[in-house]
N, C-alpha and C. Protein backbone atom coordinates (compact mmCIF):
# COMPACT_ATOMS: atom_id res chain seq x y z
N MET A 1 -56.85 37.87 -27.23
CA MET A 1 -56.52 38.43 -25.93
C MET A 1 -57.67 38.18 -24.97
N LYS A 2 -57.35 37.71 -23.79
CA LYS A 2 -58.37 37.42 -22.78
C LYS A 2 -58.91 38.69 -22.16
N ASN A 3 -60.17 38.65 -21.78
CA ASN A 3 -60.80 39.76 -21.06
C ASN A 3 -60.12 39.90 -19.69
N ALA A 4 -59.75 41.11 -19.33
CA ALA A 4 -59.07 41.34 -18.05
C ALA A 4 -59.94 40.92 -16.88
N GLN A 5 -61.29 41.06 -17.02
CA GLN A 5 -62.17 40.68 -15.92
C GLN A 5 -62.16 39.17 -15.70
N ALA A 6 -61.86 38.41 -16.73
CA ALA A 6 -61.84 36.95 -16.58
C ALA A 6 -60.78 36.52 -15.57
N ASN A 7 -59.74 37.34 -15.42
CA ASN A 7 -58.67 37.02 -14.48
C ASN A 7 -58.87 37.65 -13.11
N SER A 8 -59.90 38.51 -13.00
CA SER A 8 -60.16 39.17 -11.72
C SER A 8 -60.85 38.22 -10.77
N PRO A 9 -60.51 38.30 -9.48
CA PRO A 9 -61.22 37.46 -8.50
C PRO A 9 -62.69 37.81 -8.44
N ALA A 10 -63.50 36.84 -8.11
CA ALA A 10 -64.94 37.05 -7.98
C ALA A 10 -65.21 37.99 -6.80
N ILE A 11 -66.24 38.82 -6.94
CA ILE A 11 -66.66 39.72 -5.86
C ILE A 11 -67.78 39.04 -5.11
N SER A 12 -67.69 39.04 -3.79
CA SER A 12 -68.74 38.45 -2.96
C SER A 12 -69.06 39.40 -1.81
N PHE A 13 -70.25 39.22 -1.25
CA PHE A 13 -70.72 40.07 -0.16
C PHE A 13 -71.24 39.19 0.96
N SER A 14 -70.99 39.62 2.19
CA SER A 14 -71.48 38.84 3.34
C SER A 14 -71.44 39.70 4.59
N TRP A 15 -72.19 39.24 5.61
CA TRP A 15 -72.04 39.82 6.93
C TRP A 15 -70.76 39.25 7.50
N CYS A 16 -69.95 40.09 8.09
CA CYS A 16 -68.64 39.65 8.58
C CYS A 16 -68.67 39.43 10.08
N HIS A 17 -68.18 38.26 10.49
CA HIS A 17 -68.07 37.92 11.91
C HIS A 17 -66.66 37.44 12.24
N ASP A 18 -65.74 37.66 11.33
CA ASP A 18 -64.37 37.17 11.45
C ASP A 18 -63.53 38.16 12.26
N ALA A 19 -63.26 37.82 13.50
CA ALA A 19 -62.49 38.70 14.38
C ALA A 19 -61.08 38.97 13.84
N THR A 20 -60.56 38.06 13.03
CA THR A 20 -59.22 38.28 12.48
C THR A 20 -59.21 39.39 11.41
N ALA A 21 -60.39 39.83 10.97
CA ALA A 21 -60.48 40.91 9.97
C ALA A 21 -60.46 42.29 10.62
N GLU A 22 -60.45 42.35 11.94
CA GLU A 22 -60.55 43.64 12.64
C GLU A 22 -59.50 44.64 12.19
N ASP A 23 -58.23 44.25 12.14
CA ASP A 23 -57.17 45.19 11.75
C ASP A 23 -57.37 45.69 10.33
N THR A 24 -57.72 44.80 9.42
CA THR A 24 -57.94 45.17 8.02
C THR A 24 -59.09 46.16 7.89
N LEU A 25 -60.18 45.90 8.61
CA LEU A 25 -61.34 46.78 8.55
C LEU A 25 -61.04 48.15 9.16
N CYS A 26 -60.32 48.17 10.25
CA CYS A 26 -59.93 49.45 10.86
C CYS A 26 -59.06 50.26 9.91
N LYS A 27 -58.10 49.62 9.29
CA LYS A 27 -57.22 50.29 8.33
C LYS A 27 -58.02 50.79 7.13
N LEU A 28 -58.95 49.98 6.63
CA LEU A 28 -59.80 50.39 5.51
C LEU A 28 -60.53 51.68 5.86
N TYR A 29 -61.13 51.73 7.02
CA TYR A 29 -61.86 52.93 7.45
C TYR A 29 -60.92 54.12 7.61
N LEU A 30 -59.91 53.96 8.43
CA LEU A 30 -59.05 55.09 8.80
C LEU A 30 -58.26 55.65 7.62
N ASP A 31 -57.89 54.80 6.66
CA ASP A 31 -57.12 55.26 5.51
C ASP A 31 -57.98 55.89 4.41
N ASN A 32 -59.31 55.75 4.51
CA ASN A 32 -60.13 56.12 3.37
C ASN A 32 -61.29 57.06 3.67
N VAL A 33 -61.32 57.68 4.83
CA VAL A 33 -62.34 58.68 5.10
C VAL A 33 -61.65 60.02 5.38
N SER A 34 -62.14 61.04 4.70
CA SER A 34 -61.59 62.38 4.89
C SER A 34 -62.46 63.14 5.89
N ALA A 35 -62.04 64.33 6.21
CA ALA A 35 -62.83 65.17 7.13
C ALA A 35 -64.18 65.54 6.53
N ASP A 36 -64.32 65.52 5.19
CA ASP A 36 -65.61 65.78 4.55
C ASP A 36 -66.63 64.70 4.89
N TYR A 37 -66.18 63.54 5.31
CA TYR A 37 -67.05 62.42 5.65
C TYR A 37 -67.89 62.72 6.90
N ILE A 38 -67.40 63.62 7.73
CA ILE A 38 -68.05 63.90 9.02
C ILE A 38 -69.44 64.48 8.82
N SER A 39 -70.41 63.83 9.45
CA SER A 39 -71.79 64.32 9.46
C SER A 39 -72.26 64.37 10.91
N HIS A 40 -73.54 64.62 11.12
CA HIS A 40 -73.98 64.86 12.49
C HIS A 40 -73.81 63.65 13.40
N SER A 41 -73.90 62.44 12.88
CA SER A 41 -73.75 61.30 13.80
C SER A 41 -72.32 61.17 14.31
N GLU A 42 -71.34 61.55 13.49
CA GLU A 42 -69.95 61.55 13.98
C GLU A 42 -69.78 62.59 15.08
N LEU A 43 -70.49 63.72 14.95
CA LEU A 43 -70.41 64.77 15.97
C LEU A 43 -71.21 64.40 17.23
N GLN A 44 -72.30 63.67 17.05
CA GLN A 44 -73.12 63.27 18.20
C GLN A 44 -72.56 62.04 18.90
N GLY A 45 -71.67 61.35 18.23
CA GLY A 45 -71.03 60.18 18.82
C GLY A 45 -69.61 60.48 19.24
N GLU A 46 -68.78 59.48 19.15
CA GLU A 46 -67.41 59.60 19.66
C GLU A 46 -66.36 59.83 18.58
N ARG A 47 -66.77 60.02 17.34
CA ARG A 47 -65.79 60.07 16.25
C ARG A 47 -65.18 61.44 15.99
N ALA A 48 -65.98 62.50 16.05
CA ALA A 48 -65.49 63.83 15.68
C ALA A 48 -65.85 64.83 16.78
N ASP A 49 -65.03 65.87 16.90
CA ASP A 49 -65.33 66.88 17.92
C ASP A 49 -65.77 68.21 17.32
N ALA A 50 -65.69 68.35 16.00
CA ALA A 50 -66.16 69.56 15.31
C ALA A 50 -66.34 69.22 13.84
N PRO A 51 -67.15 69.97 13.12
CA PRO A 51 -67.24 69.73 11.68
C PRO A 51 -65.85 69.81 11.05
N GLY A 52 -65.50 68.81 10.29
CA GLY A 52 -64.19 68.78 9.65
C GLY A 52 -63.04 68.37 10.53
N ASN A 53 -63.31 67.91 11.77
CA ASN A 53 -62.22 67.57 12.68
C ASN A 53 -62.49 66.26 13.41
N TRP A 54 -61.74 65.23 13.04
CA TRP A 54 -61.84 63.94 13.75
C TRP A 54 -61.23 64.07 15.13
N ARG A 55 -61.72 63.30 16.08
CA ARG A 55 -61.12 63.25 17.41
C ARG A 55 -59.77 62.54 17.33
N ALA A 56 -58.89 62.89 18.24
CA ALA A 56 -57.56 62.29 18.27
C ALA A 56 -57.63 60.78 18.53
N ASP A 57 -58.65 60.32 19.26
CA ASP A 57 -58.76 58.90 19.58
C ASP A 57 -59.62 58.13 18.58
N LEU A 58 -59.80 58.68 17.36
CA LEU A 58 -60.61 58.01 16.35
C LEU A 58 -60.18 56.56 16.10
N PRO A 59 -58.90 56.25 16.01
CA PRO A 59 -58.53 54.84 15.79
C PRO A 59 -59.08 53.90 16.86
N GLU A 60 -59.04 54.31 18.11
CA GLU A 60 -59.56 53.46 19.18
C GLU A 60 -61.09 53.36 19.11
N VAL A 61 -61.73 54.46 18.78
CA VAL A 61 -63.20 54.47 18.67
C VAL A 61 -63.65 53.54 17.56
N ILE A 62 -63.03 53.66 16.40
CA ILE A 62 -63.40 52.82 15.25
C ILE A 62 -63.12 51.36 15.56
N ARG A 63 -62.00 51.08 16.19
CA ARG A 63 -61.69 49.70 16.55
C ARG A 63 -62.78 49.12 17.46
N GLY A 64 -63.23 49.90 18.42
CA GLY A 64 -64.28 49.42 19.32
C GLY A 64 -65.59 49.17 18.58
N GLU A 65 -65.96 50.07 17.66
CA GLU A 65 -67.18 49.90 16.89
C GLU A 65 -67.11 48.67 15.99
N ILE A 66 -65.99 48.51 15.32
CA ILE A 66 -65.82 47.35 14.43
C ILE A 66 -65.79 46.06 15.22
N ARG A 67 -65.08 46.05 16.33
CA ARG A 67 -65.02 44.84 17.17
C ARG A 67 -66.42 44.43 17.62
N ALA A 68 -67.22 45.40 18.04
CA ALA A 68 -68.59 45.11 18.49
C ALA A 68 -69.42 44.57 17.33
N ALA A 69 -69.33 45.22 16.17
CA ALA A 69 -70.13 44.79 15.02
C ALA A 69 -69.75 43.39 14.56
N LEU A 70 -68.48 43.04 14.63
CA LEU A 70 -68.04 41.70 14.21
C LEU A 70 -68.64 40.61 15.09
N SER A 71 -68.99 40.96 16.31
CA SER A 71 -69.55 39.96 17.22
C SER A 71 -71.07 39.88 17.14
N HIS A 72 -71.70 40.72 16.32
CA HIS A 72 -73.16 40.76 16.22
C HIS A 72 -73.67 39.94 15.05
N ASP A 73 -74.91 39.46 15.18
CA ASP A 73 -75.54 38.78 14.06
C ASP A 73 -77.06 38.85 14.17
N TRP A 74 -77.73 38.51 13.07
CA TRP A 74 -79.19 38.55 13.02
C TRP A 74 -79.83 37.65 14.06
N ALA A 75 -79.25 36.48 14.25
CA ALA A 75 -79.87 35.48 15.11
C ALA A 75 -80.08 35.97 16.53
N HIS A 76 -79.21 36.85 16.98
CA HIS A 76 -79.30 37.34 18.35
C HIS A 76 -80.01 38.69 18.45
N GLY A 77 -80.51 39.21 17.32
CA GLY A 77 -81.24 40.47 17.35
C GLY A 77 -80.36 41.67 17.64
N ASP A 78 -79.08 41.55 17.31
CA ASP A 78 -78.15 42.66 17.57
C ASP A 78 -78.46 43.84 16.67
N SER A 79 -78.06 45.02 17.12
CA SER A 79 -78.45 46.24 16.41
C SER A 79 -77.43 46.74 15.40
N THR A 80 -76.19 46.29 15.44
CA THR A 80 -75.18 46.77 14.50
C THR A 80 -74.52 45.58 13.81
N LEU A 81 -74.51 45.64 12.48
CA LEU A 81 -73.92 44.57 11.69
C LEU A 81 -72.89 45.17 10.73
N LEU A 82 -71.95 44.34 10.30
CA LEU A 82 -70.91 44.80 9.39
C LEU A 82 -70.90 43.90 8.16
N ALA A 83 -71.11 44.51 7.00
CA ALA A 83 -71.07 43.79 5.73
C ALA A 83 -69.74 44.08 5.05
N VAL A 84 -69.25 43.11 4.30
CA VAL A 84 -68.01 43.31 3.57
C VAL A 84 -68.19 42.93 2.11
N ALA A 85 -67.41 43.61 1.27
CA ALA A 85 -67.25 43.24 -0.14
C ALA A 85 -65.87 42.60 -0.25
N MET A 86 -65.83 41.41 -0.80
CA MET A 86 -64.58 40.67 -0.92
C MET A 86 -64.24 40.49 -2.40
N SER A 87 -62.98 40.69 -2.73
CA SER A 87 -62.46 40.35 -4.05
C SER A 87 -61.52 39.19 -3.81
N GLY A 88 -62.01 38.00 -4.10
CA GLY A 88 -61.26 36.81 -3.71
C GLY A 88 -61.22 36.73 -2.20
N GLU A 89 -60.03 36.77 -1.63
CA GLU A 89 -59.87 36.71 -0.18
C GLU A 89 -59.63 38.09 0.45
N ALA A 90 -59.62 39.14 -0.37
CA ALA A 90 -59.29 40.49 0.12
C ALA A 90 -60.56 41.31 0.35
N ILE A 91 -60.60 42.00 1.50
CA ILE A 91 -61.70 42.93 1.78
C ILE A 91 -61.43 44.21 0.99
N VAL A 92 -62.40 44.59 0.15
CA VAL A 92 -62.25 45.80 -0.65
C VAL A 92 -63.28 46.87 -0.29
N GLY A 93 -64.25 46.51 0.57
CA GLY A 93 -65.26 47.47 0.98
C GLY A 93 -65.96 46.99 2.23
N MET A 94 -66.56 47.92 2.94
CA MET A 94 -67.31 47.58 4.15
C MET A 94 -68.51 48.51 4.31
N ALA A 95 -69.53 47.98 4.97
CA ALA A 95 -70.72 48.77 5.29
C ALA A 95 -71.10 48.46 6.73
N LEU A 96 -71.17 49.49 7.55
CA LEU A 96 -71.61 49.36 8.93
C LEU A 96 -73.08 49.76 8.96
N VAL A 97 -73.93 48.86 9.47
CA VAL A 97 -75.37 49.04 9.42
C VAL A 97 -75.96 48.94 10.82
N SER A 98 -76.79 49.92 11.19
CA SER A 98 -77.48 49.89 12.48
C SER A 98 -78.95 49.56 12.25
N ILE A 99 -79.45 48.61 13.00
CA ILE A 99 -80.85 48.20 12.91
C ILE A 99 -81.61 48.84 14.07
N ASP A 100 -82.75 49.45 13.77
CA ASP A 100 -83.58 50.01 14.83
C ASP A 100 -84.21 48.85 15.61
N THR A 101 -83.88 48.76 16.87
CA THR A 101 -84.44 47.69 17.71
C THR A 101 -85.54 48.21 18.62
N ARG A 102 -85.72 49.54 18.67
CA ARG A 102 -86.77 50.11 19.53
C ARG A 102 -88.15 49.94 18.91
N GLN A 103 -88.19 49.91 17.59
CA GLN A 103 -89.42 49.67 16.83
C GLN A 103 -90.56 50.60 17.21
N ARG A 104 -90.25 51.89 17.30
CA ARG A 104 -91.28 52.90 17.59
C ARG A 104 -91.81 53.56 16.32
N ALA A 105 -91.07 53.48 15.24
CA ALA A 105 -91.45 54.13 13.99
C ALA A 105 -92.58 53.37 13.31
N SER A 106 -93.28 54.05 12.41
CA SER A 106 -94.40 53.40 11.71
C SER A 106 -93.92 52.31 10.77
N LYS A 107 -92.67 52.38 10.31
CA LYS A 107 -92.08 51.35 9.46
C LYS A 107 -90.71 50.98 10.02
N SER A 108 -90.38 49.71 9.95
CA SER A 108 -89.08 49.26 10.45
C SER A 108 -87.98 49.89 9.60
N PHE A 109 -86.83 50.18 10.24
CA PHE A 109 -85.76 50.83 9.49
C PHE A 109 -84.39 50.44 10.01
N ALA A 110 -83.43 50.72 9.15
CA ALA A 110 -82.02 50.57 9.48
C ALA A 110 -81.31 51.81 8.96
N ALA A 111 -80.07 52.00 9.40
CA ALA A 111 -79.25 53.11 8.92
C ALA A 111 -77.93 52.57 8.38
N LEU A 112 -77.58 53.02 7.21
CA LEU A 112 -76.28 52.71 6.65
C LEU A 112 -75.31 53.73 7.23
N ASP A 113 -74.65 53.35 8.32
CA ASP A 113 -73.80 54.28 9.06
C ASP A 113 -72.52 54.61 8.31
N ASP A 114 -71.95 53.62 7.64
CA ASP A 114 -70.69 53.82 6.93
C ASP A 114 -70.66 52.95 5.69
N LEU A 115 -70.14 53.51 4.62
CA LEU A 115 -69.81 52.76 3.42
C LEU A 115 -68.43 53.21 3.01
N VAL A 116 -67.46 52.31 3.06
CA VAL A 116 -66.07 52.66 2.78
C VAL A 116 -65.51 51.64 1.80
N LEU A 117 -64.89 52.14 0.74
CA LEU A 117 -64.28 51.29 -0.29
C LEU A 117 -62.81 51.65 -0.46
N LEU A 118 -62.03 50.67 -0.87
CA LEU A 118 -60.66 50.96 -1.27
C LEU A 118 -60.71 51.87 -2.50
N PRO A 119 -59.81 52.83 -2.61
CA PRO A 119 -59.80 53.70 -3.79
C PRO A 119 -59.68 52.91 -5.10
N SER A 120 -59.00 51.79 -5.07
CA SER A 120 -58.79 51.00 -6.29
C SER A 120 -60.07 50.38 -6.85
N VAL A 121 -61.13 50.31 -6.06
CA VAL A 121 -62.38 49.73 -6.57
C VAL A 121 -63.49 50.76 -6.72
N ARG A 122 -63.23 52.00 -6.36
CA ARG A 122 -64.24 53.04 -6.55
C ARG A 122 -64.50 53.22 -8.03
N GLY A 123 -65.76 53.35 -8.39
CA GLY A 123 -66.13 53.50 -9.79
C GLY A 123 -66.28 52.18 -10.52
N SER A 124 -66.03 51.07 -9.85
CA SER A 124 -66.11 49.75 -10.49
C SER A 124 -67.50 49.13 -10.38
N GLY A 125 -68.37 49.73 -9.58
CA GLY A 125 -69.69 49.15 -9.35
C GLY A 125 -69.79 48.36 -8.06
N ILE A 126 -68.66 48.13 -7.40
CA ILE A 126 -68.68 47.34 -6.16
C ILE A 126 -69.43 48.07 -5.05
N GLY A 127 -69.28 49.37 -4.96
CA GLY A 127 -70.01 50.13 -3.94
C GLY A 127 -71.52 50.01 -4.16
N SER A 128 -71.95 50.15 -5.40
CA SER A 128 -73.38 50.00 -5.71
C SER A 128 -73.86 48.60 -5.37
N GLN A 129 -73.08 47.61 -5.72
CA GLN A 129 -73.46 46.23 -5.44
C GLN A 129 -73.53 45.97 -3.94
N LEU A 130 -72.61 46.55 -3.18
CA LEU A 130 -72.63 46.38 -1.73
C LEU A 130 -73.87 47.03 -1.13
N VAL A 131 -74.21 48.23 -1.58
CA VAL A 131 -75.42 48.90 -1.10
C VAL A 131 -76.65 48.05 -1.42
N GLU A 132 -76.72 47.53 -2.64
CA GLU A 132 -77.88 46.72 -3.04
C GLU A 132 -77.93 45.41 -2.27
N TRP A 133 -76.77 44.81 -1.99
CA TRP A 133 -76.75 43.57 -1.22
C TRP A 133 -77.27 43.83 0.20
N VAL A 134 -76.79 44.92 0.81
CA VAL A 134 -77.25 45.27 2.16
C VAL A 134 -78.75 45.52 2.15
N ALA A 135 -79.23 46.30 1.18
CA ALA A 135 -80.66 46.61 1.10
C ALA A 135 -81.48 45.33 0.95
N SER A 136 -81.02 44.42 0.12
CA SER A 136 -81.73 43.15 -0.07
C SER A 136 -81.76 42.32 1.21
N GLU A 137 -80.64 42.26 1.88
CA GLU A 137 -80.56 41.52 3.15
C GLU A 137 -81.51 42.12 4.19
N LEU A 138 -81.51 43.43 4.29
CA LEU A 138 -82.38 44.09 5.25
C LEU A 138 -83.85 43.81 4.91
N HIS A 139 -84.19 43.94 3.64
CA HIS A 139 -85.57 43.70 3.21
C HIS A 139 -85.98 42.27 3.52
N SER A 140 -85.08 41.32 3.32
CA SER A 140 -85.42 39.92 3.58
C SER A 140 -85.65 39.64 5.07
N HIS A 141 -85.19 40.56 5.91
CA HIS A 141 -85.42 40.44 7.36
C HIS A 141 -86.53 41.39 7.84
N GLY A 142 -87.32 41.89 6.91
CA GLY A 142 -88.48 42.69 7.28
C GLY A 142 -88.23 44.16 7.49
N ILE A 143 -87.06 44.64 7.11
CA ILE A 143 -86.76 46.07 7.26
C ILE A 143 -87.35 46.81 6.05
N ALA A 144 -88.10 47.88 6.31
CA ALA A 144 -88.81 48.60 5.25
C ALA A 144 -88.08 49.83 4.72
N ARG A 145 -87.22 50.43 5.55
CA ARG A 145 -86.55 51.66 5.14
C ARG A 145 -85.07 51.61 5.49
N LEU A 146 -84.27 52.25 4.63
CA LEU A 146 -82.84 52.37 4.88
C LEU A 146 -82.48 53.85 4.81
N PHE A 147 -82.00 54.38 5.93
CA PHE A 147 -81.57 55.76 6.02
C PHE A 147 -80.05 55.84 5.94
N LEU A 148 -79.55 57.01 5.61
CA LEU A 148 -78.12 57.30 5.72
C LEU A 148 -77.97 58.80 5.80
N GLU A 149 -76.80 59.23 6.15
CA GLU A 149 -76.48 60.65 6.17
C GLU A 149 -75.12 60.86 5.55
N CYS A 150 -74.93 62.02 4.96
CA CYS A 150 -73.64 62.39 4.37
C CYS A 150 -73.21 63.72 4.93
N GLY A 151 -71.92 63.92 5.03
CA GLY A 151 -71.41 65.22 5.41
C GLY A 151 -71.85 66.26 4.39
N ALA A 152 -72.08 67.49 4.82
CA ALA A 152 -72.56 68.56 3.94
C ALA A 152 -71.63 68.80 2.75
N HIS A 153 -70.34 68.57 2.93
CA HIS A 153 -69.37 68.82 1.87
C HIS A 153 -68.99 67.55 1.11
N ASN A 154 -69.59 66.45 1.46
CA ASN A 154 -69.28 65.18 0.80
C ASN A 154 -70.20 65.00 -0.41
N LEU A 155 -70.01 65.87 -1.40
CA LEU A 155 -70.89 65.92 -2.56
C LEU A 155 -70.81 64.67 -3.42
N THR A 156 -69.65 64.06 -3.48
CA THR A 156 -69.50 62.83 -4.26
C THR A 156 -70.38 61.73 -3.67
N ALA A 157 -70.36 61.60 -2.35
CA ALA A 157 -71.19 60.57 -1.71
C ALA A 157 -72.67 60.90 -1.88
N GLN A 158 -73.03 62.17 -1.75
CA GLN A 158 -74.44 62.53 -1.93
C GLN A 158 -74.93 62.15 -3.31
N LYS A 159 -74.15 62.44 -4.33
CA LYS A 159 -74.52 62.10 -5.70
C LYS A 159 -74.59 60.58 -5.88
N PHE A 160 -73.63 59.87 -5.31
CA PHE A 160 -73.61 58.40 -5.39
C PHE A 160 -74.91 57.83 -4.81
N PHE A 161 -75.28 58.25 -3.61
CA PHE A 161 -76.46 57.69 -2.96
C PHE A 161 -77.76 58.11 -3.65
N GLN A 162 -77.82 59.33 -4.14
CA GLN A 162 -79.01 59.75 -4.89
C GLN A 162 -79.19 58.87 -6.12
N GLY A 163 -78.10 58.47 -6.73
CA GLY A 163 -78.14 57.58 -7.89
C GLY A 163 -78.56 56.16 -7.54
N ARG A 164 -78.63 55.85 -6.26
CA ARG A 164 -79.04 54.52 -5.81
C ARG A 164 -80.40 54.56 -5.13
N GLY A 165 -81.17 55.60 -5.40
CA GLY A 165 -82.55 55.67 -4.92
C GLY A 165 -82.76 56.34 -3.59
N PHE A 166 -81.72 56.86 -2.98
CA PHE A 166 -81.88 57.60 -1.73
C PHE A 166 -82.30 59.03 -2.05
N LYS A 167 -83.14 59.60 -1.20
CA LYS A 167 -83.56 60.98 -1.40
C LYS A 167 -83.43 61.75 -0.09
N GLN A 168 -83.20 63.03 -0.22
CA GLN A 168 -83.05 63.88 0.96
C GLN A 168 -84.41 64.04 1.64
N VAL A 169 -84.45 63.79 2.94
CA VAL A 169 -85.69 63.93 3.69
C VAL A 169 -85.60 64.99 4.80
N SER A 170 -84.40 65.50 5.04
CA SER A 170 -84.24 66.54 6.06
C SER A 170 -82.91 67.24 5.87
N VAL A 171 -82.74 68.32 6.59
CA VAL A 171 -81.47 69.03 6.64
C VAL A 171 -81.13 69.17 8.12
N VAL A 172 -79.94 68.75 8.50
CA VAL A 172 -79.51 68.84 9.89
C VAL A 172 -78.63 70.08 10.01
N MET A 173 -78.92 70.89 11.01
CA MET A 173 -78.15 72.11 11.22
C MET A 173 -77.53 72.09 12.62
N LEU A 174 -76.44 72.80 12.76
CA LEU A 174 -75.70 72.86 14.03
C LEU A 174 -75.43 74.31 14.39
N ARG A 175 -75.61 74.62 15.64
CA ARG A 175 -75.18 75.91 16.18
C ARG A 175 -74.35 75.62 17.42
N GLU A 176 -73.11 76.09 17.41
CA GLU A 176 -72.23 75.94 18.57
C GLU A 176 -72.66 76.96 19.61
N LEU A 177 -73.01 76.52 20.78
CA LEU A 177 -73.53 77.42 21.81
C LEU A 177 -72.43 78.04 22.67
N ASN A 178 -71.24 77.53 22.58
CA ASN A 178 -70.15 78.07 23.38
C ASN A 178 -69.31 79.07 22.59
N VAL A 179 -69.80 79.51 21.43
CA VAL A 179 -69.06 80.43 20.58
C VAL A 179 -69.89 81.70 20.40
N VAL A 180 -69.29 82.84 20.68
CA VAL A 180 -69.96 84.11 20.44
C VAL A 180 -69.72 84.47 18.98
N ASP A 181 -70.78 84.65 18.26
CA ASP A 181 -70.66 84.89 16.83
C ASP A 181 -71.47 86.13 16.47
N ALA A 182 -70.80 87.13 15.94
CA ALA A 182 -71.47 88.37 15.57
C ALA A 182 -72.56 88.13 14.53
N ALA A 183 -72.34 87.16 13.63
CA ALA A 183 -73.34 86.87 12.60
C ALA A 183 -74.63 86.37 13.23
N VAL A 184 -74.54 85.58 14.29
CA VAL A 184 -75.74 85.09 14.97
C VAL A 184 -76.48 86.26 15.60
N ALA A 185 -75.75 87.18 16.23
CA ALA A 185 -76.39 88.34 16.85
C ALA A 185 -77.12 89.18 15.80
N VAL A 186 -76.50 89.40 14.64
CA VAL A 186 -77.12 90.16 13.56
C VAL A 186 -78.34 89.42 13.05
N SER A 187 -78.20 88.12 12.81
CA SER A 187 -79.31 87.31 12.30
C SER A 187 -80.49 87.34 13.26
N THR A 188 -80.22 87.24 14.55
CA THR A 188 -81.28 87.27 15.56
C THR A 188 -82.01 88.61 15.53
N ALA A 189 -81.24 89.70 15.39
CA ALA A 189 -81.86 91.04 15.35
C ALA A 189 -82.76 91.16 14.12
N VAL A 190 -82.32 90.65 12.98
CA VAL A 190 -83.14 90.70 11.77
C VAL A 190 -84.38 89.85 11.93
N ASP A 191 -84.25 88.65 12.47
CA ASP A 191 -85.39 87.78 12.69
C ASP A 191 -86.40 88.42 13.62
N ASP A 192 -85.92 89.05 14.70
CA ASP A 192 -86.82 89.70 15.65
C ASP A 192 -87.58 90.84 14.98
N LYS A 193 -86.85 91.62 14.17
CA LYS A 193 -87.46 92.74 13.46
C LYS A 193 -88.55 92.21 12.50
N ASP A 194 -88.19 91.14 11.75
CA ASP A 194 -89.16 90.55 10.83
C ASP A 194 -90.36 90.01 11.57
N GLY A 195 -90.11 89.47 12.75
CA GLY A 195 -91.21 88.90 13.55
C GLY A 195 -92.19 89.95 14.01
N ASP A 196 -91.73 91.18 14.16
CA ASP A 196 -92.60 92.27 14.61
C ASP A 196 -93.61 92.70 13.56
N ARG A 197 -93.41 92.24 12.33
CA ARG A 197 -94.28 92.68 11.24
C ARG A 197 -95.62 91.95 11.26
N GLY A 198 -95.72 90.97 12.05
CA GLY A 198 -97.03 90.47 12.13
C GLY A 198 -97.36 89.10 11.97
């Protein structure tokens, strides 16, 4: 009996510039991210309007982001690139990567903004390979650090990335200023009382 993998298409990774892939990439993203995926960058950008709540125009926003990334490349010093994992001719995963072009930090860096895989390839190692391919590409272009963020409730992604050498370096917190919250008033009173102790 032949090994099932022998009949599987080869997996390859590349930066994608193929405008005809736009619909496939948009569908990959929109069909495979849950509300748990939302982190602070989705809230600070155009994707989500509250924790756990995507904006109604998310399809148009994602299409615009993907379209822009498909037109970017290293040669022009563009700041957002899109990597794909291919199984034969089919896109099975994508990674949206932002490169810091301001260069104010002590070490050059990029951010892995999105990593999305088809459910059928999750657990196969393709996600790990895509992360490693992106990291290698970035390193070969002089990038020293790769950041990412995960939604607070996206525990599967947090565990996945920790297993690939990422470590937590901060905690991002949000306070809605247009909401009156009794818990905030109580917390403030306790903090003030504690502050009086010296």
